[in-house]
Amino acid sequence: MKEGQIIVISREYGSGGSEIGQKLAEQLGVPYYDKNFVDTAVKDSGLSTDFLEEEEQKFISSLLFNLATGGYRHSGDKAVADQVFIAESNALKEVAQQGSCVIVGRCADHILKDDFNVFSVFVHAPLKVRVERAVKQCGVAQRRAEATVRERDRARARHYEYYTDKDWGDCNNYHLTVNSDRFGVDGAVELIKQALELV
């Protein structure tokens, strides 16, 4: 892996993308960042962690409610979501400046693409497999599992589309896409490592 390279992993809900990111970071000997780094955004923004998380979830909920409208609503919720996005963007740039790392989610591929050496990966898997993982590893109730997986994916897609003007999951937006069901978590990690040797 080249010095200063930032590996960004986007993933379908339940595909194991977070676990892949953690194992990849561990094997590469670099830091790993995910949603927990909202805490860093809070430090920079002056907003409380609870406030950021509560407002972001309210915004995502209203977004899901308005999916049929084809876009984000211009409202107070949008303004707060934009504050969250700006705070997280600043935090992403701050950790990227410190050197090579693995980042999962948060539109990091788009935020960092102009100023850093980014290698972007999209992890996906069949719906049935993701539903099973949601139940077994994420603690989602069986009766709500498929709906939860679909809802989370729609929320991620809308969020990504709004802030990047690109389609979430479109293979043209990533350097590598990996089917975690076909290759497994460890196989996916190996694939990404091999790909990094070629770029």
Foldseek 3Di string as FASTA:
>chain_A
DDKLEEEEEEEQAQLCRQVLQVVLCVVVVAAEEEPVCLVQLCVVLVHDPVVLVVLLVVQLVVCLVCVVVPAGDPDPSVVSVVSSLVSVLVSLVVRSVVMYGYYYDSLSCQSCVPPGNYAYEYEYEDLVNSLVSCVPPVVDDNVCSSVVSVSVRVSSQRVNCVVRVDGPPDPVSHPYYYYCVVQPSVRVSVVVVVVVVVD
